[in-house]
Protein backbone atom coordinates (compact mmCIF):
# COMPACT_ATOMS: atom_id res chain seq x y z
CA MET A 1 0.31 0.00 -0.22
CA LYS A 2 1.17 3.37 -0.34
CA TYR A 3 1.06 6.53 2.06
CA TYR A 4 1.74 10.57 0.49
CA ALA A 5 2.77 12.68 2.94
CA VAL A 6 2.06 16.58 2.77
CA THR A 7 5.82 17.88 3.79
CA LYS A 8 6.97 21.86 4.26
CA GLY A 9 9.74 23.74 4.83
CA SER A 10 13.21 22.91 4.90
CA TYR A 11 16.67 22.16 6.87
CA SER A 12 14.77 22.62 10.73
CA ASP A 13 11.63 23.90 9.10
CA TYR A 14 10.80 20.75 7.84
CA HIS A 15 7.30 18.80 8.86
CA ILE A 16 5.11 16.85 8.20
CA ILE A 17 1.37 18.29 7.70
CA THR A 18 -0.19 15.22 7.18
CA ILE A 19 -0.21 11.25 5.80
CA THR A 20 -2.37 9.82 3.96
CA ALA A 21 -2.99 7.12 1.78
CA ASP A 22 -5.42 9.24 -1.14
CA HIS A 23 -3.73 10.82 -3.44
CA GLU A 24 -5.99 13.16 -4.21
CA LYS A 25 -6.21 14.14 -1.14
CA ALA A 26 -2.26 14.93 -0.43
CA VAL A 27 -2.19 17.14 -3.44
CA LYS A 28 -4.94 19.68 -2.29
CA LEU A 29 -3.97 19.65 0.79
CA ALA A 30 -0.68 20.30 -0.06
CA GLU A 31 -1.90 23.43 -2.55
CA LYS A 32 -3.99 24.42 0.75
CA PHE A 33 -1.23 24.66 2.28
CA THR A 34 1.73 26.25 -0.38
CA ASP A 35 1.66 30.04 0.10
CA LYS A 36 4.53 32.89 -1.74
CA TRP A 37 6.84 31.94 1.35
CA ASP A 38 6.81 28.35 0.65
CA THR A 39 5.29 25.20 -1.58
CA ALA A 40 4.09 22.15 0.48
CA GLU A 41 4.95 19.01 -1.56
CA VAL A 42 3.57 15.28 -1.80
CA GLU A 43 6.06 12.65 -1.11
CA GLU A 44 5.13 8.92 -1.74
CA TYR A 45 6.33 5.91 0.82
CA GLU A 46 5.35 2.05 0.04
CA GLU A 47 4.60 0.66 3.61
CA SER A 48 7.13 -0.98 4.39
CA ASP A 49 9.30 2.21 3.54
CA ILE A 50 7.34 3.58 6.76
CA LEU A 51 7.67 0.55 8.99
CA PHE A 52 11.46 -0.25 8.95
CA ARG A 53 12.81 2.47 8.61
CA ASP A 54 14.54 3.74 11.31
CA LEU A 55 13.14 5.33 14.63
CA TRP A 56 16.31 7.95 16.30
CA TYR A 57 15.20 10.16 19.68
CA VAL A 58 16.89 12.95 21.82
CA CYS A 59 18.04 13.08 25.03
CA PHE A 60 18.94 15.84 26.90
CA SER A 61 20.08 15.67 30.32
CA PRO A 62 18.77 18.69 32.74
CA GLN A 63 22.92 19.79 32.30
CA GLY A 64 22.01 20.27 28.79
CA ASP A 65 24.39 16.82 27.54
CA VAL A 66 22.88 15.68 24.54
CA THR A 67 22.80 11.51 24.17
C-alpha cells in the first residue's frame, strides 16, 4: 500500500503536515498549504518504507548534555 506525506519547509523547518493513503487528497492539501513563502510537497512512500525506517530520538540531560 502507498502512503502520501504532505511536507513543507527545509532544514530545521522541515515538517510533515499529514499522511494519507489518498493521493488526490494529498495533492489538494499540498495546494492548500502552499503559500508565497514556501511550497508544500507530496512525498510517496510504500508501506514497508514507513514500517522499517530507523527511529531517532534525542535526550537532553538537566545539564544540557545530548545523548
